[in-house]
């Protein structure tokens, strides 16, 4: 029987996996009290039951799977209408500190300024979603940009950005504009030579980037059809079927996953409790230079379960369960590795011709450090059994609005087919 300490550890793990949702891929633990308040809504039998080996994963020749949710589900929002994703200070700090992201953006900005025919001082730069640190705006000013307009939707965050700019000594070069960029006109009808738009979510489109860029294309940028007018100039979402350790450890009726009501689980990209079952596939692809021709994304995809990945995943799950002192760890690891919970999603950014930002290792989707998260919708009440060679056929139906105040909606549906 599990000790009280071990039970507490697993409960904490469950809370962390399921109820810690984050802004823009940053993992900020909610309080234990708030997590427990949410956990009360779920259907639990006594905890000892949860620790027994779960029932066999669902097995069938063809098993339907599906999930649907809105972009703001589980995330902080700017207002009571819950239409626009927002972030707390810790989330912004995580973005700035992300070494797989921030230095690459800095280099792309410097490269663009240096390449300007009239020199850096000839350039008007637009920073969309500047945040409290106005980080990219300050980089542009520091590296010689003639003028920088930095737009921030949150009143409180805009005030912090002004303080940052003042302390950095760039009040003469950087103007902070408060509000949604779709509601703002640059002073004196100015337009930017290039825009920095790090408004990419863990699903690329979930933070309103599409609507923001469509509007900036029309009003705020001088040559919007030129890829050099945008950093990044492209945002993408990759996807692959995944196995999830806790979905196998906590099974109905002990744990009712349907109580999540479609809200996906969000993982640190290094979290080995999630393992991919096949090579990733591109499911969202937005080119900022021709954004209006790359709108709503709908795609049919057939994934084939990779037997070699399954074998590797058994080892990873076995280590994970063993460290958690889970009974029958090896047996449970085999079941988990031979199951699918849902389709994992994560972003990738193309900054320019030479610089790319990956939240997971490209192209295999392996784990790596990132402030973005891997998003996993739970697509069946119980894990669906799979083996090498089985096919997972799904339709991605992503409704991405050109109205920034209308959250994107996501639907993935299909079947797991035993071959």
Foldseek 3Di string as FASTA:
>chain_A
DDDPVLLVVVVVVVLQFFQQDFAQQAGDDDDPVVSVVLVVVWFADPSVVLLPQFDFFAEDQKDKWKFKDFLQQNADAQDPVSQAGDHDPVLVVQQCPFPLPNVLLLVLLLVLQCPDPVHQLVFEEEEEACWLQVVSQLSSVVNRHNAYEYEHAHPVRLVSNVVNCVVSPNPVHYDYHYRHLLPDAPPPQDAGQAYEYPQQGQQGQQRLPLLSLVSSLVGHHDQQLDCSRYFQQKKWKKKAWKFALVLRSGAPPRTFPCSSVRAWGWAFLQDLRIFGFFWIDIFAMAGSSPRVVRAWTKDKDKTFGAQVSLVVQLVSQLVVCVVSVRPPSSVSSNSRSQWTFFMKMGMKTHRDPPGIRDSADPGRRHGDGDSHIITGTGTDSHTHGHHGGKMWIKMWGWHRDSDSSHTIMTMIITITRYD
